[in-house]
Amino acid sequence: MKRMLYLAGLLLGMCLSAADFSTEVQPNTIYRVTFSSAETPSWQLRFTDADGNIPLGGILVSEGKRYRGIKNNTFVQEFYTPYFAKKATLRLKQKVKNVRFEPVSSAKYLNLNPEFKLGKDNYSGYARTTQSQIRQGGKGNYLEVSDSRYGMTLTDPVPVAAGKTYRVSLRREGAGNPKKNIGVYIRFLDKEGRVLENQRDFWKRNFTFYGNWKSDFPGSKPFTAPPDAAFMECQIIDGKVAAFYITEDK
């Protein structure tokens, strides 16, 4: 870990073009990569196992338009390393500088970017957004998911352990009691990323934040990971979400 931080420090102020940066990492751990660029870059994160191979799911392809930082011309991505990861390689196509690659040591929640503090143009932690957008509110950023037929947001997979119980919680953006409920659907996957049990269970495990609840109501619901579960992911539909949390029940 110390070696990784030292290497990250060496890259500060340097200008990289079509370069690779590699370092040792810990599996199932949250990391953050940060750099600056005058243009909108694209990049890959490649994860290799102890034998130097890249198993299925070992390449993460990213576009800068989804990971803009708060400061101009900065890009920030937070991510989980795969369960097999021993080494990570950041592969860049464009010219960038001030590269940092470091663990997020103070993560309070299991899911990434739960309060959207990385910026209104940063979708770290949210693998797919359809007719959804992070917006700037009076007290911070929030996620707005359209109530149209195709509006949804899918979180990144979060590592879990079979038999343990995890709690999904959220806070709604805005005062008053809107008519719409916010729906959350949960499913578990094995270590290869395959959905456990029947695909329809994605709709059976659910949590609803009702429209007549106050926005600061601490709405939550526990879910127990089934046998062979390695990951958990959530789909959010409808409404404005000020914060979305996944925690482990002790």
C-alpha atoms as a PDB file:
ATOM      1  CA  MET A   1       0.000   0.000   0.000  1.00  0.00           C
ATOM      2  CA  LYS A   2       2.816   2.414   0.858  1.00  0.00           C
ATOM      3  CA  ARG A   3       4.478   1.625  -2.468  1.00  0.00           C
ATOM      4  CA  MET A   4       1.275   2.471  -4.321  1.00  0.00           C
ATOM      5  CA  LEU A   5       0.920   5.848  -2.610  1.00  0.00           C
ATOM      6  CA  TYR A   6       4.567   6.626  -3.341  1.00  0.00           C
ATOM      7  CA  LEU A   7       4.093   5.896  -7.034  1.00  0.00           C
ATOM      8  CA  ALA A   8       0.949   8.024  -7.112  1.00  0.00           C
ATOM      9  CA  GLY A   9       2.923  10.896  -5.655  1.00  0.00           C
ATOM     10  CA  LEU A  10       5.584  10.549  -8.344  1.00  0.00           C
ATOM     11  CA  LEU A  11       2.976  11.132 -11.032  1.00  0.00           C
ATOM     12  CA  LEU A  12       1.821  14.480  -9.676  1.00  0.00           C
ATOM     13  CA  GLY A  13       2.662  17.256 -12.110  1.00  0.00           C
ATOM     14  CA  MET A  14       3.827  14.843 -14.796  1.00  0.00           C
ATOM     15  CA  CYS A  15       2.229  14.833 -18.241  1.00  0.00           C
ATOM     16  CA  LEU A  16       1.296  11.402 -19.573  1.00  0.00           C
ATOM     17  CA  SER A  17       0.337  10.621 -23.156  1.00  0.00           C
ATOM     18  CA  ALA A  18      -0.996   7.195 -24.198  1.00  0.00           C
ATOM     19  CA  ALA A  19       0.668   5.864 -21.062  1.00  0.00           C
ATOM     20  CA  ASP A  20       0.104   2.998 -18.651  1.00  0.00           C
ATOM     21  CA  PHE A  21       0.409   3.280 -14.897  1.00  0.00           C
ATOM     22  CA  SER A  22       0.448   0.019 -12.910  1.00  0.00           C
ATOM     23  CA  THR A  23       0.413  -0.682  -9.195  1.00  0.00           C
ATOM     24  CA  GLU A  24      -0.425  -3.430  -6.732  1.00  0.00           C
ATOM     25  CA  VAL A  25      -3.934  -3.335  -5.240  1.00  0.00           C
ATOM     26  CA  GLN A  26      -6.093  -5.144  -2.715  1.00  0.00           C
ATOM     27  CA  PRO A  27      -9.178  -7.074  -3.944  1.00  0.00           C
ATOM     28  CA  ASN A  28     -12.748  -5.924  -3.176  1.00  0.00           C
ATOM     29  CA  THR A  29     -11.446  -2.523  -2.098  1.00  0.00           C
ATOM     30  CA  ILE A  30     -12.559   0.979  -3.056  1.00  0.00           C
ATOM     31  CA  TYR A  31      -9.979   3.013  -4.994  1.00  0.00           C
ATOM     32  CA  ARG A  32     -10.012   6.442  -6.586  1.00  0.00           C
ATOM     33  CA  VAL A  33      -8.201   7.595  -9.726  1.00  0.00           C
ATOM     34  CA  THR A  34      -7.871  11.337 -10.356  1.00  0.00           C
ATOM     35  CA  PHE A  35      -6.196  13.342 -13.118  1.00  0.00           C
ATOM     36  CA  SER A  36      -6.582  16.519 -15.158  1.00  0.00           C
ATOM     37  CA  SER A  37      -6.869  16.957 -18.915  1.00  0.00           C
ATOM     38  CA  ALA A  38      -7.654  19.796 -21.310  1.00  0.00           C
ATOM     39  CA  GLU A  39      -9.834  17.423 -23.356  1.00  0.00           C
ATOM     40  CA  THR A  40     -12.427  14.849 -22.356  1.00  0.00           C
ATOM     41  CA  PRO A  41     -10.438  11.606 -22.063  1.00  0.00           C
ATOM     42  CA  SER A  42     -11.294   7.933 -22.162  1.00  0.00           C
ATOM     43  CA  TRP A  43      -9.417   5.219 -20.301  1.00  0.00           C
ATOM     44  CA  GLN A  44      -9.298   1.609 -19.199  1.00  0.00           C
ATOM     45  CA  LEU A  45      -8.632   0.052 -15.823  1.00  0.00           C
ATOM     46  CA  ARG A  46      -7.215  -3.451 -16.240  1.00  0.00           C
ATOM     47  CA  PHE A  47      -7.072  -5.833 -13.286  1.00  0.00           C
ATOM     48  CA  THR A  48      -4.840  -8.899 -13.270  1.00  0.00           C
ATOM     49  CA  ASP A  49      -4.756 -11.855 -10.889  1.00  0.00           C
ATOM     50  CA  ALA A  50      -1.734 -13.408  -9.169  1.00  0.00           C
ATOM     51  CA  ASP A  51      -0.727 -15.165 -12.419  1.00  0.00           C
ATOM     52  CA  GLY A  52      -0.889 -11.999 -14.496  1.00  0.00           C
ATOM     53  CA  ASN A  53      -4.099 -13.024 -16.263  1.00  0.00           C
ATOM     54  CA  ILE A  54      -7.168 -10.831 -16.803  1.00  0.00           C
ATOM     55  CA  PRO A  55     -10.239 -12.920 -15.878  1.00  0.00           C
ATOM     56  CA  LEU A  56     -13.774 -12.129 -16.979  1.00  0.00           C
ATOM     57  CA  GLY A  57     -14.745  -8.701 -15.679  1.00  0.00           C
ATOM     58  CA  GLY A  58     -11.132  -7.585 -15.387  1.00  0.00           C
ATOM     59  CA  ILE A  59     -11.379  -4.604 -17.756  1.00  0.00           C
ATOM     60  CA  LEU A  60     -13.295  -1.453 -16.833  1.00  0.00           C
ATOM     61  CA  VAL A  61     -13.820   0.949 -19.761  1.00  0.00           C
ATOM     62  CA  SER A  62     -14.621   4.546 -18.806  1.00  0.00           C
ATOM     63  CA  GLU A  63     -15.552   7.786 -20.552  1.00  0.00           C
ATOM     64  CA  GLY A  64     -14.607  11.143 -19.082  1.00  0.00           C
ATOM     65  CA  LYS A  65     -18.038  12.666 -19.670  1.00  0.00           C
ATOM     66  CA  ARG A  66     -19.402  10.506 -16.814  1.00  0.00           C
ATOM     67  CA  TYR A  67     -16.585  11.216 -14.366  1.00  0.00           C
ATOM     68  CA  ARG A  68     -15.986  14.959 -14.349  1.00  0.00           C
ATOM     69  CA  GLY A  69     -14.600  16.365 -11.124  1.00  0.00           C
ATOM     70  CA  ILE A  70     -15.767  19.434  -9.247  1.00  0.00           C
ATOM     71  CA  LYS A  71     -12.814  21.496 -10.481  1.00  0.00           C
ATOM     72  CA  ASN A  72     -12.497  22.405 -14.153  1.00  0.00           C
ATOM     73  CA  ASN A  73     -10.616  19.924 -16.355  1.00  0.00           C
ATOM     74  CA  THR A  74     -10.424  17.307 -13.596  1.00  0.00           C
ATOM     75  CA  PHE A  75     -11.711  13.739 -13.772  1.00  0.00           C
ATOM     76  CA  VAL A  76     -12.405  11.453 -10.816  1.00  0.00           C
ATOM     77  CA  GLN A  77     -13.521   7.834 -10.770  1.00  0.00           C
ATOM     78  CA  GLU A  78     -14.167   5.678  -7.721  1.00  0.00           C
ATOM     79  CA  PHE A  79     -14.498   1.919  -8.163  1.00  0.00           C
ATOM     80  CA  TYR A  80     -14.206  -1.468  -6.477  1.00  0.00           C
ATOM     81  CA  THR A  81     -11.338  -3.724  -7.457  1.00  0.00           C
ATOM     82  CA  PRO A  82     -12.471  -7.247  -8.500  1.00  0.00           C
ATOM     83  CA  TYR A  83     -12.226 -10.131  -6.039  1.00  0.00           C
ATOM     84  CA  PHE A  84      -9.203 -11.572  -7.908  1.00  0.00           C
ATOM     85  CA  ALA A  85      -7.276  -8.307  -8.348  1.00  0.00           C
ATOM     86  CA  LYS A  86      -3.593  -8.205  -7.431  1.00  0.00           C
ATOM     87  CA  LYS A  87      -2.516  -5.501  -9.856  1.00  0.00           C
ATOM     88  CA  ALA A  88      -4.264  -2.591 -11.588  1.00  0.00           C
ATOM     89  CA  THR A  89      -3.187  -0.825 -14.772  1.00  0.00           C
ATOM     90  CA  LEU A  90      -4.551   2.554 -15.796  1.00  0.00           C
ATOM     91  CA  ARG A  91      -4.385   2.854 -19.588  1.00  0.00           C
ATOM     92  CA  LEU A  92      -4.905   6.337 -21.016  1.00  0.00           C
ATOM     93  CA  LYS A  93      -5.466   7.414 -24.618  1.00  0.00           C
ATOM     94  CA  GLN A  94      -5.237  11.187 -24.224  1.00  0.00           C
ATOM     95  CA  LYS A  95      -2.614  13.428 -22.676  1.00  0.00           C
ATOM     96  CA  VAL A  96      -3.258  13.928 -18.954  1.00  0.00           C
ATOM     97  CA  LYS A  97      -1.388  15.187 -15.902  1.00  0.00           C
ATOM     98  CA  ASN A  98      -1.530  15.195 -12.095  1.00  0.00           C
ATOM     99  CA  VAL A  99      -2.460  11.514 -11.942  1.00  0.00           C
ATOM    100  CA  ARG A 100      -3.322  10.022  -8.557  1.00  0.00           C
ATOM    101  CA  PHE A 101      -4.267   6.402  -7.864  1.00  0.00           C
ATOM    102  CA  GLU A 102      -5.137   5.712  -4.234  1.00  0.00           C
ATOM    103  CA  PRO A 103      -7.414   3.728  -1.899  1.00  0.00           C
ATOM    104  CA  VAL A 104     -10.456   5.340  -0.307  1.00  0.00           C
ATOM    105  CA  SER A 105      -9.628   4.514   3.284  1.00  0.00           C
ATOM    106  CA  SER A 106     -12.503   6.248   5.062  1.00  0.00           C
ATOM    107  CA  ALA A 107     -15.463   4.789   3.173  1.00  0.00           C
ATOM    108  CA  LYS A 108     -18.410   4.753   5.600  1.00  0.00           C
ATOM    109  CA  TYR A 109     -20.841   3.038   3.251  1.00  0.00           C
ATOM    110  CA  LEU A 110     -20.478  -0.019   1.034  1.00  0.00           C
ATOM    111  CA  ASN A 111     -21.759   1.686  -2.106  1.00  0.00           C
ATOM    112  CA  LEU A 112     -19.848   4.395  -3.924  1.00  0.00           C
ATOM    113  CA  ASN A 113     -20.725   8.088  -4.059  1.00  0.00           C
ATOM    114  CA  PRO A 114     -23.855   7.681  -1.886  1.00  0.00           C
ATOM    115  CA  GLU A 115     -24.467  11.420  -1.437  1.00  0.00           C
ATOM    116  CA  PHE A 116     -23.295  12.457  -4.926  1.00  0.00           C
ATOM    117  CA  LYS A 117     -20.507  14.591  -3.454  1.00  0.00           C
ATOM    118  CA  LEU A 118     -18.095  13.872  -6.312  1.00  0.00           C
ATOM    119  CA  GLY A 119     -19.986  16.410  -8.439  1.00  0.00           C
ATOM    120  CA  LYS A 120     -23.147  16.809 -10.478  1.00  0.00           C
ATOM    121  CA  ASP A 121     -21.352  15.435 -13.545  1.00  0.00           C
ATOM    122  CA  ASN A 122     -19.817  12.433 -11.794  1.00  0.00           C
ATOM    123  CA  TYR A 123     -21.565   9.062 -11.922  1.00  0.00           C
ATOM    124  CA  SER A 124     -19.077   6.988  -9.930  1.00  0.00           C
ATOM    125  CA  GLY A 125     -20.974   4.149  -8.270  1.00  0.00           C
ATOM    126  CA  TYR A 126     -23.792   4.115 -10.814  1.00  0.00           C
ATOM    127  CA  ALA A 127     -23.190   1.653 -13.623  1.00  0.00           C
ATOM    128  CA  ARG A 128     -26.163   2.630 -15.736  1.00  0.00           C
ATOM    129  CA  THR A 129     -28.438   5.665 -15.838  1.00  0.00           C
ATOM    130  CA  THR A 130     -31.412   5.854 -18.193  1.00  0.00           C
ATOM    131  CA  GLN A 131     -33.420   9.073 -18.198  1.00  0.00           C
ATOM    132  CA  SER A 132     -31.713   9.924 -14.914  1.00  0.00           C
ATOM    133  CA  GLN A 133     -29.488  12.847 -13.969  1.00  0.00           C
ATOM    134  CA  ILE A 134     -27.533  14.144 -10.992  1.00  0.00           C
ATOM    135  CA  ARG A 135     -28.587  17.733 -10.316  1.00  0.00           C
ATOM    136  CA  GLN A 136     -27.470  20.484  -7.992  1.00  0.00           C
ATOM    137  CA  GLY A 137     -29.903  21.308  -5.187  1.00  0.00           C
ATOM    138  CA  GLY A 138     -30.010  23.847  -2.394  1.00  0.00           C
ATOM    139  CA  LYS A 139     -28.256  21.553   0.097  1.00  0.00           C
ATOM    140  CA  GLY A 140     -26.125  19.481  -2.259  1.00  0.00           C
ATOM    141  CA  ASN A 141     -26.457  17.260  -5.295  1.00  0.00           C
ATOM    142  CA  TYR A 142     -29.242  14.745  -5.803  1.00  0.00           C
ATOM    143  CA  LEU A 143     -30.229  12.059  -8.298  1.00  0.00           C
ATOM    144  CA  GLU A 144     -33.419  12.594 -10.277  1.00  0.00           C
ATOM    145  CA  VAL A 145     -34.884   9.505 -11.941  1.00  0.00           C
ATOM    146  CA  SER A 146     -37.631  10.101 -14.485  1.00  0.00           C
ATOM    147  CA  ASP A 147     -41.022   8.509 -13.811  1.00  0.00           C
ATOM    148  CA  SER A 148     -41.224   7.509 -17.472  1.00  0.00           C
ATOM    149  CA  ARG A 149     -41.348   3.877 -18.509  1.00  0.00           C
ATOM    150  CA  TYR A 150     -37.591   3.623 -19.042  1.00  0.00           C
ATOM    151  CA  GLY A 151     -36.340   5.841 -16.216  1.00  0.00           C
ATOM    152  CA  MET A 152     -33.934   3.937 -13.956  1.00  0.00           C
ATOM    153  CA  THR A 153     -30.516   3.989 -12.299  1.00  0.00           C
ATOM    154  CA  LEU A 154     -28.497   0.825 -11.602  1.00  0.00           C
ATOM    155  CA  THR A 155     -25.750   0.888  -8.975  1.00  0.00           C
ATOM    156  CA  ASP A 156     -22.317  -0.647  -9.373  1.00  0.00           C
ATOM    157  CA  PRO A 157     -22.128  -4.157  -7.875  1.00  0.00           C
ATOM    158  CA  VAL A 158     -21.166  -4.043  -4.189  1.00  0.00           C
ATOM    159  CA  PRO A 159     -19.190  -6.952  -2.653  1.00  0.00           C
ATOM    160  CA  VAL A 160     -21.191  -8.946  -0.085  1.00  0.00           C
ATOM    161  CA  ALA A 161     -20.862 -12.225   1.821  1.00  0.00           C
ATOM    162  CA  ALA A 162     -23.438 -15.012   1.720  1.00  0.00           C
ATOM    163  CA  GLY A 163     -25.569 -15.202   4.862  1.00  0.00           C
ATOM    164  CA  LYS A 164     -24.881 -11.637   6.000  1.00  0.00           C
ATOM    165  CA  THR A 165     -27.589  -8.982   6.166  1.00  0.00           C
ATOM    166  CA  TYR A 166     -27.347  -5.658   4.349  1.00  0.00           C
ATOM    167  CA  ARG A 167     -29.510  -2.575   4.738  1.00  0.00           C
ATOM    168  CA  VAL A 168     -30.688  -0.299   1.929  1.00  0.00           C
ATOM    169  CA  SER A 169     -31.551   3.259   3.011  1.00  0.00           C
ATOM    170  CA  LEU A 170     -32.341   6.510   1.254  1.00  0.00           C
ATOM    171  CA  ARG A 171     -33.253  10.144   1.795  1.00  0.00           C
ATOM    172  CA  ARG A 172     -35.522  11.969  -0.613  1.00  0.00           C
ATOM    173  CA  GLU A 173     -34.679  15.373  -2.068  1.00  0.00           C
ATOM    174  CA  GLY A 174     -37.056  18.240  -1.403  1.00  0.00           C
ATOM    175  CA  ALA A 175     -39.659  19.132   1.179  1.00  0.00           C
ATOM    176  CA  GLY A 176     -43.292  18.083   1.274  1.00  0.00           C
ATOM    177  CA  ASN A 177     -44.990  14.833   0.335  1.00  0.00           C
ATOM    178  CA  PRO A 178     -44.880  14.182  -3.423  1.00  0.00           C
ATOM    179  CA  LYS A 179     -47.360  11.799  -4.983  1.00  0.00           C
ATOM    180  CA  LYS A 180     -44.728   9.462  -6.390  1.00  0.00           C
ATOM    181  CA  ASN A 181     -43.104   6.638  -4.435  1.00  0.00           C
ATOM    182  CA  ILE A 182     -39.406   5.869  -4.936  1.00  0.00           C
ATOM    183  CA  GLY A 183     -38.837   2.205  -5.740  1.00  0.00           C
ATOM    184  CA  VAL A 184     -35.639   0.216  -5.149  1.00  0.00           C
ATOM    185  CA  TYR A 185     -35.149  -3.337  -6.429  1.00  0.00           C
ATOM    186  CA  ILE A 186     -32.355  -5.603  -5.219  1.00  0.00           C
ATOM    187  CA  ARG A 187     -30.646  -8.640  -6.679  1.00  0.00           C
ATOM    188  CA  PHE A 188     -27.613 -10.731  -5.760  1.00  0.00           C
ATOM    189  CA  LEU A 189     -24.943 -12.098  -8.094  1.00  0.00           C
ATOM    190  CA  ASP A 190     -22.267 -14.775  -7.800  1.00  0.00           C
ATOM    191  CA  LYS A 191     -18.546 -14.018  -8.161  1.00  0.00           C
ATOM    192  CA  GLU A 192     -18.773 -14.430 -11.948  1.00  0.00           C
ATOM    193  CA  GLY A 193     -21.499 -11.773 -12.142  1.00  0.00           C
ATOM    194  CA  ARG A 194     -24.371 -14.183 -12.778  1.00  0.00           C
ATOM    195  CA  VAL A 195     -27.736 -13.382 -11.207  1.00  0.00           C
ATOM    196  CA  LEU A 196     -28.552 -15.854  -8.447  1.00  0.00           C
ATOM    197  CA  GLU A 197     -31.790 -17.788  -8.351  1.00  0.00           C
ATOM    198  CA  ASN A 198     -34.414 -16.587 -10.796  1.00  0.00           C
ATOM    199  CA  GLN A 199     -34.028 -13.321 -12.697  1.00  0.00           C
ATOM    200  CA  ARG A 200     -37.503 -12.415 -11.453  1.00  0.00           C
ATOM    201  CA  ASP A 201     -36.133 -12.136  -7.916  1.00  0.00           C
ATOM    202  CA  PHE A 202     -34.861  -8.743  -9.033  1.00  0.00           C
ATOM    203  CA  TRP A 203     -38.478  -7.608  -8.646  1.00  0.00           C
ATOM    204  CA  LYS A 204     -39.330  -9.672  -5.558  1.00  0.00           C
ATOM    205  CA  ARG A 205     -36.684  -8.087  -3.323  1.00  0.00           C
ATOM    206  CA  ASN A 206     -37.741  -4.476  -3.118  1.00  0.00           C
ATOM    207  CA  PHE A 207     -37.915  -1.426  -0.900  1.00  0.00           C
ATOM    208  CA  THR A 208     -40.340   1.477  -1.316  1.00  0.00           C
ATOM    209  CA  PHE A 209     -39.856   4.990   0.018  1.00  0.00           C
ATOM    210  CA  TYR A 210     -43.475   6.107   0.075  1.00  0.00           C
ATOM    211  CA  GLY A 211     -44.538   9.486  -1.248  1.00  0.00           C
ATOM    212  CA  ASN A 212     -46.311  10.423   2.001  1.00  0.00           C
ATOM    213  CA  TRP A 213     -43.121  10.018   4.058  1.00  0.00           C
ATOM    214  CA  LYS A 214     -41.183  13.146   4.958  1.00  0.00           C
ATOM    215  CA  SER A 215     -37.999  13.704   2.972  1.00  0.00           C
ATOM    216  CA  ASP A 216     -35.786  13.230   6.051  1.00  0.00           C
ATOM    217  CA  PHE A 217     -37.582  10.048   7.150  1.00  0.00           C
ATOM    218  CA  PRO A 218     -34.903   7.363   7.718  1.00  0.00           C
ATOM    219  CA  GLY A 219     -36.491   4.823   5.396  1.00  0.00           C
ATOM    220  CA  SER A 220     -34.600   1.527   5.152  1.00  0.00           C
ATOM    221  CA  LYS A 221     -35.005  -2.220   4.721  1.00  0.00           C
ATOM    222  CA  PRO A 222     -32.673  -5.186   5.378  1.00  0.00           C
ATOM    223  CA  PHE A 223     -31.850  -7.956   2.903  1.00  0.00           C
ATOM    224  CA  THR A 224     -29.929 -11.173   3.578  1.00  0.00           C
ATOM    225  CA  ALA A 225     -27.473 -12.367   0.942  1.00  0.00           C
ATOM    226  CA  PRO A 226     -28.362 -15.897  -0.262  1.00  0.00           C
ATOM    227  CA  PRO A 227     -25.878 -18.785  -0.618  1.00  0.00           C
ATOM    228  CA  ASP A 228     -23.102 -18.153  -3.188  1.00  0.00           C
ATOM    229  CA  ALA A 229     -23.779 -14.394  -3.189  1.00  0.00           C
ATOM    230  CA  ALA A 230     -20.695 -12.291  -3.946  1.00  0.00           C
ATOM    231  CA  PHE A 231     -22.270  -9.019  -5.103  1.00  0.00           C
ATOM    232  CA  MET A 232     -25.392  -6.959  -4.578  1.00  0.00           C
ATOM    233  CA  GLU A 233     -26.783  -4.337  -6.927  1.00  0.00           C
ATOM    234  CA  CYS A 234     -29.800  -2.046  -6.737  1.00  0.00           C
ATOM    235  CA  GLN A 235     -32.080  -0.466  -9.296  1.00  0.00           C
ATOM    236  CA  ILE A 236     -33.706   2.864  -8.410  1.00  0.00           C
ATOM    237  CA  ILE A 237     -36.852   4.037 -10.173  1.00  0.00           C
ATOM    238  CA  ASP A 238     -38.857   7.272  -9.904  1.00  0.00           C
ATOM    239  CA  GLY A 239     -38.270  10.335  -7.795  1.00  0.00           C
ATOM    240  CA  LYS A 240     -35.497  12.535  -6.445  1.00  0.00           C
ATOM    241  CA  VAL A 241     -32.898  10.878  -4.217  1.00  0.00           C
ATOM    242  CA  ALA A 242     -30.703  13.028  -1.957  1.00  0.00           C
ATOM    243  CA  ALA A 243     -28.724  10.047  -0.649  1.00  0.00           C
ATOM    244  CA  PHE A 244     -28.659   6.287  -1.182  1.00  0.00           C
ATOM    245  CA  TYR A 245     -26.851   4.003   1.272  1.00  0.00           C
ATOM    246  CA  ILE A 246     -25.919   0.330   1.511  1.00  0.00           C
ATOM    247  CA  THR A 247     -24.564  -0.804   4.874  1.00  0.00           C
ATOM    248  CA  GLU A 248     -23.947  -4.113   6.622  1.00  0.00           C
ATOM    249  CA  ASP A 249     -26.165  -4.906   9.604  1.00  0.00           C
ATOM    250  CA  LYS A 250     -23.983  -5.949  12.529  1.00  0.00           C
END
